[in-house]
Full PDB file with SEQRES, HELIX, SHEET, SSBOND, CRYST1, ORIGX, SCALE, CONECT and MASTER records, all heavy atoms in Angstrom:
SEQRES   1 A   35  ALA LEU ASP ARG LEU VAL GLU LEU ASP HIS ASP LYS LYS          
SEQRES   2 A   35  LEU LEU SER ARG ASP ILE THR MET VAL ASP LEU ARG LEU          
SEQRES   3 A   35  PRO ASP ARG VAL SER VAL ARG GLN SER                          
HELIX    1 AA1 LEU A    2  LYS A   12  1                                  11    
HELIX    2 AA2 LEU A   14  SER A   16  5                                   3    
SHEET    1 AA1 2 ILE A  19  ASP A  23  0                                        
SHEET    2 AA1 2 SER A  31  GLN A  34 -1                                        
CRYST1    1.000    1.000    1.000  90.00  90.00  90.00 P 1           1          
ORIGX1      1.000000  0.000000  0.000000        0.00000                         
ORIGX2      0.000000  1.000000  0.000000        0.00000                         
ORIGX3      0.000000  0.000000  1.000000        0.00000                         
SCALE1      1.000000  0.000000  0.000000        0.00000                         
SCALE2      0.000000  1.000000  0.000000        0.00000                         
SCALE3      0.000000  0.000000  1.000000        0.00000                         
ATOM      1  N   ALA A   1       2.709   5.409  -4.477  1.00  0.00           N  
ATOM      2  CA  ALA A   1       1.722   4.372  -4.238  1.00  0.00           C  
ATOM      3  C   ALA A   1       2.386   2.955  -4.108  1.00  0.00           C  
ATOM      4  O   ALA A   1       2.136   2.179  -3.307  1.00  0.00           O  
ATOM      5  CB  ALA A   1       0.675   4.352  -5.396  1.00  0.00           C  
ATOM      6  N   LEU A   2       3.424   2.744  -4.934  1.00  0.00           N  
ATOM      7  CA  LEU A   2       4.158   1.516  -4.896  1.00  0.00           C  
ATOM      8  C   LEU A   2       4.940   1.443  -3.568  1.00  0.00           C  
ATOM      9  O   LEU A   2       5.086   0.362  -3.022  1.00  0.00           O  
ATOM     10  CB  LEU A   2       5.017   1.315  -6.172  1.00  0.00           C  
ATOM     11  CG  LEU A   2       4.281   1.039  -7.463  1.00  0.00           C  
ATOM     12  CD1 LEU A   2       5.260   1.020  -8.644  1.00  0.00           C  
ATOM     13  CD2 LEU A   2       3.488  -0.277  -7.392  1.00  0.00           C  
ATOM     14  N   ASP A   3       5.513   2.530  -3.182  1.00  0.00           N  
ATOM     15  CA  ASP A   3       6.241   2.565  -1.886  1.00  0.00           C  
ATOM     16  C   ASP A   3       5.375   2.249  -0.850  1.00  0.00           C  
ATOM     17  O   ASP A   3       5.660   1.451   0.135  1.00  0.00           O  
ATOM     18  CB  ASP A   3       6.876   3.932  -1.738  1.00  0.00           C  
ATOM     19  CG  ASP A   3       8.138   4.244  -2.605  1.00  0.00           C  
ATOM     20  OD1 ASP A   3       8.662   3.241  -3.167  1.00  0.00           O  
ATOM     21  OD2 ASP A   3       8.461   5.388  -2.681  1.00  0.00           O  
ATOM     22  N   ARG A   4       4.098   2.798  -0.836  1.00  0.00           N  
ATOM     23  CA  ARG A   4       3.098   2.459   0.225  1.00  0.00           C  
ATOM     24  C   ARG A   4       2.734   0.970   0.190  1.00  0.00           C  
ATOM     25  O   ARG A   4       2.708   0.375   1.229  1.00  0.00           O  
ATOM     26  CB  ARG A   4       1.923   3.340  -0.001  1.00  0.00           C  
ATOM     27  CG  ARG A   4       0.991   3.453   1.147  1.00  0.00           C  
ATOM     28  CD  ARG A   4       0.172   4.713   1.094  1.00  0.00           C  
ATOM     29  NE  ARG A   4      -1.047   4.335   0.420  1.00  0.00           N  
ATOM     30  CZ  ARG A   4      -1.926   5.159  -0.068  1.00  0.00           C  
ATOM     31  NH1 ARG A   4      -1.796   6.423   0.016  1.00  0.00           N  
ATOM     32  NH2 ARG A   4      -3.046   4.642  -0.701  1.00  0.00           N  
ATOM     33  N   LEU A   5       2.631   0.378  -0.980  1.00  0.00           N  
ATOM     34  CA  LEU A   5       2.281  -0.983  -1.104  1.00  0.00           C  
ATOM     35  C   LEU A   5       3.444  -1.868  -0.499  1.00  0.00           C  
ATOM     36  O   LEU A   5       3.128  -2.778   0.271  1.00  0.00           O  
ATOM     37  CB  LEU A   5       2.105  -1.381  -2.524  1.00  0.00           C  
ATOM     38  CG  LEU A   5       1.757  -2.869  -2.817  1.00  0.00           C  
ATOM     39  CD1 LEU A   5       0.472  -3.223  -2.208  1.00  0.00           C  
ATOM     40  CD2 LEU A   5       1.744  -3.113  -4.295  1.00  0.00           C  
ATOM     41  N   VAL A   6       4.673  -1.534  -0.789  1.00  0.00           N  
ATOM     42  CA  VAL A   6       5.844  -2.280  -0.239  1.00  0.00           C  
ATOM     43  C   VAL A   6       5.823  -2.145   1.257  1.00  0.00           C  
ATOM     44  O   VAL A   6       6.036  -3.121   1.995  1.00  0.00           O  
ATOM     45  CB  VAL A   6       7.096  -1.778  -0.828  1.00  0.00           C  
ATOM     46  CG1 VAL A   6       8.308  -2.383  -0.073  1.00  0.00           C  
ATOM     47  CG2 VAL A   6       7.237  -2.134  -2.311  1.00  0.00           C  
ATOM     48  N   GLU A   7       5.570  -0.982   1.785  1.00  0.00           N  
ATOM     49  CA  GLU A   7       5.524  -0.727   3.260  1.00  0.00           C  
ATOM     50  C   GLU A   7       4.381  -1.520   3.890  1.00  0.00           C  
ATOM     51  O   GLU A   7       4.592  -2.153   4.935  1.00  0.00           O  
ATOM     52  CB  GLU A   7       5.353   0.782   3.526  1.00  0.00           C  
ATOM     53  CG  GLU A   7       5.324   1.096   4.988  1.00  0.00           C  
ATOM     54  CD  GLU A   7       5.189   2.621   5.252  1.00  0.00           C  
ATOM     55  OE1 GLU A   7       5.651   3.384   4.395  1.00  0.00           O  
ATOM     56  OE2 GLU A   7       4.647   2.934   6.248  1.00  0.00           O  
ATOM     57  N   LEU A   8       3.179  -1.550   3.316  1.00  0.00           N  
ATOM     58  CA  LEU A   8       2.093  -2.311   3.848  1.00  0.00           C  
ATOM     59  C   LEU A   8       2.399  -3.816   3.812  1.00  0.00           C  
ATOM     60  O   LEU A   8       2.049  -4.576   4.786  1.00  0.00           O  
ATOM     61  CB  LEU A   8       0.835  -2.048   3.021  1.00  0.00           C  
ATOM     62  CG  LEU A   8       0.140  -0.715   3.277  1.00  0.00           C  
ATOM     63  CD1 LEU A   8      -0.896  -0.470   2.208  1.00  0.00           C  
ATOM     64  CD2 LEU A   8      -0.436  -0.696   4.681  1.00  0.00           C  
ATOM     65  N   ASP A   9       3.038  -4.263   2.764  1.00  0.00           N  
ATOM     66  CA  ASP A   9       3.435  -5.672   2.743  1.00  0.00           C  
ATOM     67  C   ASP A   9       4.450  -6.006   3.763  1.00  0.00           C  
ATOM     68  O   ASP A   9       4.451  -7.042   4.480  1.00  0.00           O  
ATOM     69  CB  ASP A   9       3.904  -6.082   1.348  1.00  0.00           C  
ATOM     70  CG  ASP A   9       4.075  -7.575   1.243  1.00  0.00           C  
ATOM     71  OD1 ASP A   9       3.165  -8.320   1.684  1.00  0.00           O  
ATOM     72  OD2 ASP A   9       5.015  -8.015   0.693  1.00  0.00           O  
ATOM     73  N   HIS A  10       5.345  -5.124   3.944  1.00  0.00           N  
ATOM     74  CA  HIS A  10       6.442  -5.316   4.946  1.00  0.00           C  
ATOM     75  C   HIS A  10       5.909  -5.301   6.417  1.00  0.00           C  
ATOM     76  O   HIS A  10       6.201  -6.216   7.261  1.00  0.00           O  
ATOM     77  CB  HIS A  10       7.573  -4.308   4.850  1.00  0.00           C  
ATOM     78  CG  HIS A  10       8.629  -4.463   5.824  1.00  0.00           C  
ATOM     79  ND1 HIS A  10       8.715  -3.748   7.029  1.00  0.00           N  
ATOM     80  CD2 HIS A  10       9.830  -5.224   5.786  1.00  0.00           C  
ATOM     81  CE1 HIS A  10       9.809  -4.042   7.667  1.00  0.00           C  
ATOM     82  NE2 HIS A  10      10.449  -5.039   6.965  1.00  0.00           N  
ATOM     83  N   ASP A  11       5.066  -4.297   6.701  1.00  0.00           N  
ATOM     84  CA  ASP A  11       4.526  -4.126   8.078  1.00  0.00           C  
ATOM     85  C   ASP A  11       3.369  -5.067   8.347  1.00  0.00           C  
ATOM     86  O   ASP A  11       3.163  -5.527   9.476  1.00  0.00           O  
ATOM     87  CB  ASP A  11       4.066  -2.698   8.288  1.00  0.00           C  
ATOM     88  CG  ASP A  11       5.280  -1.711   8.228  1.00  0.00           C  
ATOM     89  OD1 ASP A  11       6.425  -2.193   8.268  1.00  0.00           O  
ATOM     90  OD2 ASP A  11       4.979  -0.502   8.072  1.00  0.00           O  
ATOM     91  N   LYS A  12       2.422  -5.320   7.373  1.00  0.00           N  
ATOM     92  CA  LYS A  12       1.219  -6.004   7.665  1.00  0.00           C  
ATOM     93  C   LYS A  12       1.066  -7.287   6.907  1.00  0.00           C  
ATOM     94  O   LYS A  12       0.026  -7.962   6.954  1.00  0.00           O  
ATOM     95  CB  LYS A  12       0.048  -5.116   7.311  1.00  0.00           C  
ATOM     96  CG  LYS A  12       0.012  -3.734   7.877  1.00  0.00           C  
ATOM     97  CD  LYS A  12      -0.370  -3.832   9.338  1.00  0.00           C  
ATOM     98  CE  LYS A  12      -0.495  -2.377   9.842  1.00  0.00           C  
ATOM     99  NZ  LYS A  12      -0.665  -2.363  11.307  1.00  0.00           N  
ATOM    100  N   LYS A  13       2.109  -7.596   6.062  1.00  0.00           N  
ATOM    101  CA  LYS A  13       2.073  -8.857   5.300  1.00  0.00           C  
ATOM    102  C   LYS A  13       0.822  -8.814   4.360  1.00  0.00           C  
ATOM    103  O   LYS A  13       0.148  -9.831   4.214  1.00  0.00           O  
ATOM    104  CB  LYS A  13       2.107 -10.141   6.112  1.00  0.00           C  
ATOM    105  CG  LYS A  13       3.228 -10.200   7.088  1.00  0.00           C  
ATOM    106  CD  LYS A  13       4.519 -10.248   6.415  1.00  0.00           C  
ATOM    107  CE  LYS A  13       5.657 -10.409   7.466  1.00  0.00           C  
ATOM    108  NZ  LYS A  13       6.812  -9.547   7.203  1.00  0.00           N  
ATOM    109  N   LEU A  14       0.481  -7.709   3.814  1.00  0.00           N  
ATOM    110  CA  LEU A  14      -0.679  -7.503   2.985  1.00  0.00           C  
ATOM    111  C   LEU A  14      -0.844  -8.423   1.857  1.00  0.00           C  
ATOM    112  O   LEU A  14      -1.868  -9.053   1.652  1.00  0.00           O  
ATOM    113  CB  LEU A  14      -0.816  -6.051   2.555  1.00  0.00           C  
ATOM    114  CG  LEU A  14      -2.008  -5.726   1.702  1.00  0.00           C  
ATOM    115  CD1 LEU A  14      -3.237  -5.820   2.555  1.00  0.00           C  
ATOM    116  CD2 LEU A  14      -1.835  -4.365   1.048  1.00  0.00           C  
ATOM    117  N   LEU A  15       0.214  -8.644   1.138  1.00  0.00           N  
ATOM    118  CA  LEU A  15       0.128  -9.367  -0.135  1.00  0.00           C  
ATOM    119  C   LEU A  15       0.128 -10.922   0.165  1.00  0.00           C  
ATOM    120  O   LEU A  15      -0.036 -11.752  -0.714  1.00  0.00           O  
ATOM    121  CB  LEU A  15       1.296  -9.034  -0.985  1.00  0.00           C  
ATOM    122  CG  LEU A  15       1.312  -7.536  -1.491  1.00  0.00           C  
ATOM    123  CD1 LEU A  15       2.477  -7.291  -2.336  1.00  0.00           C  
ATOM    124  CD2 LEU A  15      -0.019  -7.227  -2.241  1.00  0.00           C  
ATOM    125  N   SER A  16       0.305 -11.333   1.416  1.00  0.00           N  
ATOM    126  CA  SER A  16       0.203 -12.754   1.852  1.00  0.00           C  
ATOM    127  C   SER A  16      -1.152 -13.102   2.315  1.00  0.00           C  
ATOM    128  O   SER A  16      -1.406 -14.253   2.596  1.00  0.00           O  
ATOM    129  CB  SER A  16       1.232 -13.061   2.882  1.00  0.00           C  
ATOM    130  OG  SER A  16       2.538 -12.760   2.483  1.00  0.00           O  
ATOM    131  N   ARG A  17      -2.019 -12.155   2.354  1.00  0.00           N  
ATOM    132  CA  ARG A  17      -3.358 -12.445   2.885  1.00  0.00           C  
ATOM    133  C   ARG A  17      -4.257 -12.876   1.805  1.00  0.00           C  
ATOM    134  O   ARG A  17      -3.966 -12.882   0.641  1.00  0.00           O  
ATOM    135  CB  ARG A  17      -3.955 -11.172   3.484  1.00  0.00           C  
ATOM    136  CG  ARG A  17      -3.127 -10.696   4.701  1.00  0.00           C  
ATOM    137  CD  ARG A  17      -3.649  -9.404   5.283  1.00  0.00           C  
ATOM    138  NE  ARG A  17      -2.879  -8.932   6.333  1.00  0.00           N  
ATOM    139  CZ  ARG A  17      -3.305  -8.953   7.579  1.00  0.00           C  
ATOM    140  NH1 ARG A  17      -4.463  -9.481   7.889  1.00  0.00           N  
ATOM    141  NH2 ARG A  17      -2.504  -8.607   8.523  1.00  0.00           N  
ATOM    142  N   ASP A  18      -5.405 -13.397   2.159  1.00  0.00           N  
ATOM    143  CA  ASP A  18      -6.410 -13.917   1.166  1.00  0.00           C  
ATOM    144  C   ASP A  18      -7.277 -12.747   0.604  1.00  0.00           C  
ATOM    145  O   ASP A  18      -8.372 -12.646   1.047  1.00  0.00           O  
ATOM    146  CB  ASP A  18      -7.315 -14.910   1.933  1.00  0.00           C  
ATOM    147  CG  ASP A  18      -8.073 -15.776   0.917  1.00  0.00           C  
ATOM    148  OD1 ASP A  18      -7.944 -15.674  -0.268  1.00  0.00           O  
ATOM    149  OD2 ASP A  18      -8.879 -16.708   1.405  1.00  0.00           O  
ATOM    150  N   ILE A  19      -6.664 -12.067  -0.301  1.00  0.00           N  
ATOM    151  CA  ILE A  19      -7.290 -10.884  -0.899  1.00  0.00           C  
ATOM    152  C   ILE A  19      -7.224 -11.052  -2.457  1.00  0.00           C  
ATOM    153  O   ILE A  19      -6.308 -11.766  -2.951  1.00  0.00           O  
ATOM    154  CB  ILE A  19      -6.605  -9.538  -0.476  1.00  0.00           C  
ATOM    155  CG1 ILE A  19      -5.187  -9.459  -0.838  1.00  0.00           C  
ATOM    156  CG2 ILE A  19      -6.823  -9.295   1.052  1.00  0.00           C  
ATOM    157  CD1 ILE A  19      -4.572  -8.133  -0.513  1.00  0.00           C  
ATOM    158  N   THR A  20      -7.999 -10.299  -3.069  1.00  0.00           N  
ATOM    159  CA  THR A  20      -8.046 -10.298  -4.584  1.00  0.00           C  
ATOM    160  C   THR A  20      -7.686  -8.984  -5.179  1.00  0.00           C  
ATOM    161  O   THR A  20      -7.295  -8.947  -6.384  1.00  0.00           O  
ATOM    162  CB  THR A  20      -9.437 -10.723  -5.110  1.00  0.00           C  
ATOM    163  OG1 THR A  20     -10.376  -9.731  -4.672  1.00  0.00           O  
ATOM    164  CG2 THR A  20      -9.829 -12.111  -4.653  1.00  0.00           C  
ATOM    165  N   MET A  21      -7.757  -7.842  -4.387  1.00  0.00           N  
ATOM    166  CA  MET A  21      -7.498  -6.534  -4.967  1.00  0.00           C  
ATOM    167  C   MET A  21      -7.034  -5.561  -3.908  1.00  0.00           C  
ATOM    168  O   MET A  21      -7.510  -5.560  -2.737  1.00  0.00           O  
ATOM    169  CB  MET A  21      -8.802  -5.942  -5.612  1.00  0.00           C  
ATOM    170  CG  MET A  21      -8.621  -4.730  -6.409  1.00  0.00           C  
ATOM    171  SD  MET A  21      -8.896  -3.187  -5.432  1.00  0.00           S  
ATOM    172  CE  MET A  21     -10.566  -3.425  -4.796  1.00  0.00           C  
ATOM    173  N   VAL A  22      -6.073  -4.715  -4.298  1.00  0.00           N  
ATOM    174  CA  VAL A  22      -5.569  -3.583  -3.459  1.00  0.00           C  
ATOM    175  C   VAL A  22      -5.739  -2.322  -4.302  1.00  0.00           C  
ATOM    176  O   VAL A  22      -5.257  -2.227  -5.455  1.00  0.00           O  
ATOM    177  CB  VAL A  22      -4.172  -3.745  -3.000  1.00  0.00           C  
ATOM    178  CG1 VAL A  22      -3.668  -2.583  -2.228  1.00  0.00           C  
ATOM    179  CG2 VAL A  22      -3.849  -5.025  -2.305  1.00  0.00           C  
ATOM    180  N   ASP A  23      -6.451  -1.339  -3.780  1.00  0.00           N  
ATOM    181  CA  ASP A  23      -6.748  -0.152  -4.528  1.00  0.00           C  
ATOM    182  C   ASP A  23      -5.953   1.017  -3.951  1.00  0.00           C  
ATOM    183  O   ASP A  23      -6.191   1.359  -2.750  1.00  0.00           O  
ATOM    184  CB  ASP A  23      -8.213   0.151  -4.489  1.00  0.00           C  
ATOM    185  CG  ASP A  23      -8.692   1.328  -5.476  1.00  0.00           C  
ATOM    186  OD1 ASP A  23      -7.715   2.058  -5.872  1.00  0.00           O  
ATOM    187  OD2 ASP A  23      -9.792   1.387  -5.775  1.00  0.00           O  
ATOM    188  N   LEU A  24      -4.984   1.541  -4.683  1.00  0.00           N  
ATOM    189  CA  LEU A  24      -4.111   2.643  -4.107  1.00  0.00           C  
ATOM    190  C   LEU A  24      -4.430   3.949  -4.872  1.00  0.00           C  
ATOM    191  O   LEU A  24      -3.646   4.844  -4.779  1.00  0.00           O  
ATOM    192  CB  LEU A  24      -2.657   2.207  -4.313  1.00  0.00           C  
ATOM    193  CG  LEU A  24      -2.248   1.029  -3.708  1.00  0.00           C  
ATOM    194  CD1 LEU A  24      -0.793   0.540  -4.230  1.00  0.00           C  
ATOM    195  CD2 LEU A  24      -2.167   1.098  -2.192  1.00  0.00           C  
ATOM    196  N   ARG A  25      -5.590   4.086  -5.432  1.00  0.00           N  
ATOM    197  CA  ARG A  25      -5.909   5.278  -6.261  1.00  0.00           C  
ATOM    198  C   ARG A  25      -6.120   6.494  -5.412  1.00  0.00           C  
ATOM    199  O   ARG A  25      -5.867   7.599  -5.943  1.00  0.00           O  
ATOM    200  CB  ARG A  25      -7.088   5.024  -7.150  1.00  0.00           C  
ATOM    201  CG  ARG A  25      -6.815   3.956  -8.201  1.00  0.00           C  
ATOM    202  CD  ARG A  25      -7.971   3.699  -9.063  1.00  0.00           C  
ATOM    203  NE  ARG A  25      -8.974   2.959  -8.322  1.00  0.00           N  
ATOM    204  CZ  ARG A  25     -10.142   2.615  -8.785  1.00  0.00           C  
ATOM    205  NH1 ARG A  25     -10.562   2.922  -9.947  1.00  0.00           N  
ATOM    206  NH2 ARG A  25     -11.065   1.952  -7.975  1.00  0.00           N  
ATOM    207  N   LEU A  26      -6.591   6.314  -4.222  1.00  0.00           N  
ATOM    208  CA  LEU A  26      -6.817   7.557  -3.330  1.00  0.00           C  
ATOM    209  C   LEU A  26      -5.543   7.752  -2.430  1.00  0.00           C  
ATOM    210  O   LEU A  26      -5.161   6.790  -1.796  1.00  0.00           O  
ATOM    211  CB  LEU A  26      -8.046   7.362  -2.560  1.00  0.00           C  
ATOM    212  CG  LEU A  26      -9.407   7.209  -3.416  1.00  0.00           C  
ATOM    213  CD1 LEU A  26     -10.557   6.898  -2.513  1.00  0.00           C  
ATOM    214  CD2 LEU A  26      -9.619   8.431  -4.153  1.00  0.00           C  
ATOM    215  N   PRO A  27      -5.085   8.934  -2.403  1.00  0.00           N  
ATOM    216  CA  PRO A  27      -3.840   9.187  -1.632  1.00  0.00           C  
ATOM    217  C   PRO A  27      -4.058   9.034  -0.084  1.00  0.00           C  
ATOM    218  O   PRO A  27      -3.082   8.765   0.582  1.00  0.00           O  
ATOM    219  CB  PRO A  27      -3.403  10.558  -1.983  1.00  0.00           C  
ATOM    220  CG  PRO A  27      -4.672  11.245  -2.438  1.00  0.00           C  
ATOM    221  CD  PRO A  27      -5.510  10.157  -3.067  1.00  0.00           C  
ATOM    222  N   ASP A  28      -5.216   9.148   0.371  1.00  0.00           N  
ATOM    223  CA  ASP A  28      -5.432   9.103   1.843  1.00  0.00           C  
ATOM    224  C   ASP A  28      -5.963   7.784   2.370  1.00  0.00           C  
ATOM    225  O   ASP A  28      -6.292   7.682   3.548  1.00  0.00           O  
ATOM    226  CB  ASP A  28      -6.358  10.245   2.306  1.00  0.00           C  
ATOM    227  CG  ASP A  28      -7.693  10.160   1.705  1.00  0.00           C  
ATOM    228  OD1 ASP A  28      -7.852   9.471   0.643  1.00  0.00           O  
ATOM    229  OD2 ASP A  28      -8.675  10.659   2.275  1.00  0.00           O  
ATOM    230  N   ARG A  29      -6.086   6.771   1.524  1.00  0.00           N  
ATOM    231  CA  ARG A  29      -6.605   5.496   2.002  1.00  0.00           C  
ATOM    232  C   ARG A  29      -6.234   4.348   1.078  1.00  0.00           C  
ATOM    233  O   ARG A  29      -5.923   4.611  -0.077  1.00  0.00           O  
ATOM    234  CB  ARG A  29      -8.131   5.522   2.226  1.00  0.00           C  
ATOM    235  CG  ARG A  29      -8.890   5.637   0.917  1.00  0.00           C  
ATOM    236  CD  ARG A  29     -10.334   5.915   1.247  1.00  0.00           C  
ATOM    237  NE  ARG A  29     -10.388   7.307   1.595  1.00  0.00           N  
ATOM    238  CZ  ARG A  29     -11.504   7.968   1.741  1.00  0.00           C  
ATOM    239  NH1 ARG A  29     -12.611   7.442   1.472  1.00  0.00           N  
ATOM    240  NH2 ARG A  29     -11.432   9.246   2.158  1.00  0.00           N  
ATOM    241  N   VAL A  30      -6.255   3.238   1.571  1.00  0.00           N  
ATOM    242  CA  VAL A  30      -6.062   1.952   0.890  1.00  0.00           C  
ATOM    243  C   VAL A  30      -7.291   1.142   0.988  1.00  0.00           C  
ATOM    244  O   VAL A  30      -7.790   0.895   2.041  1.00  0.00           O  
ATOM    245  CB  VAL A  30      -4.804   1.165   1.253  1.00  0.00           C  
ATOM    246  CG1 VAL A  30      -4.639  -0.153   0.575  1.00  0.00           C  
ATOM    247  CG2 VAL A  30      -3.545   2.078   1.173  1.00  0.00           C  
ATOM    248  N   SER A  31      -7.881   0.569  -0.115  1.00  0.00           N  
ATOM    249  CA  SER A  31      -9.002  -0.302  -0.072  1.00  0.00           C  
ATOM    250  C   SER A  31      -8.470  -1.669  -0.482  1.00  0.00           C  
ATOM    251  O   SER A  31      -7.674  -1.812  -1.382  1.00  0.00           O  
ATOM    252  CB  SER A  31     -10.080   0.174  -1.029  1.00  0.00           C  
ATOM    253  OG  SER A  31     -10.570   1.451  -0.681  1.00  0.00           O  
ATOM    254  N   VAL A  32      -9.039  -2.716   0.259  1.00  0.00           N  
ATOM    255  CA  VAL A  32      -8.681  -4.065  -0.084  1.00  0.00           C  
ATOM    256  C   VAL A  32      -9.883  -4.870  -0.179  1.00  0.00           C  
ATOM    257  O   VAL A  32     -10.861  -4.693   0.536  1.00  0.00           O  
ATOM    258  CB  VAL A  32      -7.838  -4.567   1.107  1.00  0.00           C  
ATOM    259  CG1 VAL A  32      -7.443  -6.069   0.874  1.00  0.00           C  
ATOM    260  CG2 VAL A  32      -6.530  -3.774   1.328  1.00  0.00           C  
ATOM    261  N   ARG A  33      -9.932  -5.775  -1.258  1.00  0.00           N  
ATOM    262  CA  ARG A  33     -11.051  -6.654  -1.369  1.00  0.00           C  
ATOM    263  C   ARG A  33     -10.644  -8.040  -1.026  1.00  0.00           C  
ATOM    264  O   ARG A  33      -9.667  -8.547  -1.575  1.00  0.00           O  
ATOM    265  CB  ARG A  33     -11.544  -6.637  -2.862  1.00  0.00           C  
ATOM    266  CG  ARG A  33     -12.747  -7.585  -3.031  1.00  0.00           C  
ATOM    267  CD  ARG A  33     -13.246  -7.529  -4.432  1.00  0.00           C  
ATOM    268  NE  ARG A  33     -13.769  -6.142  -4.706  1.00  0.00           N  
ATOM    269  CZ  ARG A  33     -13.663  -5.616  -5.938  1.00  0.00           C  
ATOM    270  NH1 ARG A  33     -13.043  -6.245  -6.923  1.00  0.00           N  
ATOM    271  NH2 ARG A  33     -14.093  -4.399  -6.190  1.00  0.00           N  
ATOM    272  N   GLN A  34     -11.386  -8.646  -0.039  1.00  0.00           N  
ATOM    273  CA  GLN A  34     -11.157 -10.010   0.307  1.00  0.00           C  
ATOM    274  C   GLN A  34     -11.641 -10.985  -0.764  1.00  0.00           C  
ATOM    275  O   GLN A  34     -12.496 -10.674  -1.535  1.00  0.00           O  
ATOM    276  CB  GLN A  34     -11.871 -10.376   1.661  1.00  0.00           C  
ATOM    277  CG  GLN A  34     -11.516  -9.603   2.826  1.00  0.00           C  
ATOM    278  CD  GLN A  34     -12.331 -10.007   4.038  1.00  0.00           C  
ATOM    279  OE1 GLN A  34     -13.539 -10.073   3.913  1.00  0.00           O  
ATOM    280  NE2 GLN A  34     -11.654 -10.166   5.194  1.00  0.00           N  
ATOM    281  N   SER A  35     -10.996 -12.171  -0.770  1.00  0.00           N  
ATOM    282  CA  SER A  35     -11.509 -13.193  -1.601  1.00  0.00           C  
ATOM    283  C   SER A  35     -12.944 -13.638  -1.086  1.00  0.00           C  
ATOM    284  O   SER A  35     -13.223 -13.277   0.089  1.00  0.00           O  
ATOM    285  CB  SER A  35     -10.625 -14.475  -1.681  1.00  0.00           C  
ATOM    286  OG  SER A  35     -10.654 -15.122  -0.331  1.00  0.00           O  
TER     287      SER A  35                                                      
MASTER        0    0    0    2    2    0    0    6  286    1    0    3          
END                                                                             
């Protein structure tokens, strides 16, 4: 899950976006909550 988070941040700049939560609990999807 952490590897996936690093990849998403590298490819999509996920952690630089205006979001409050990233949910990696399900192996087949990532949920993101916007601010």
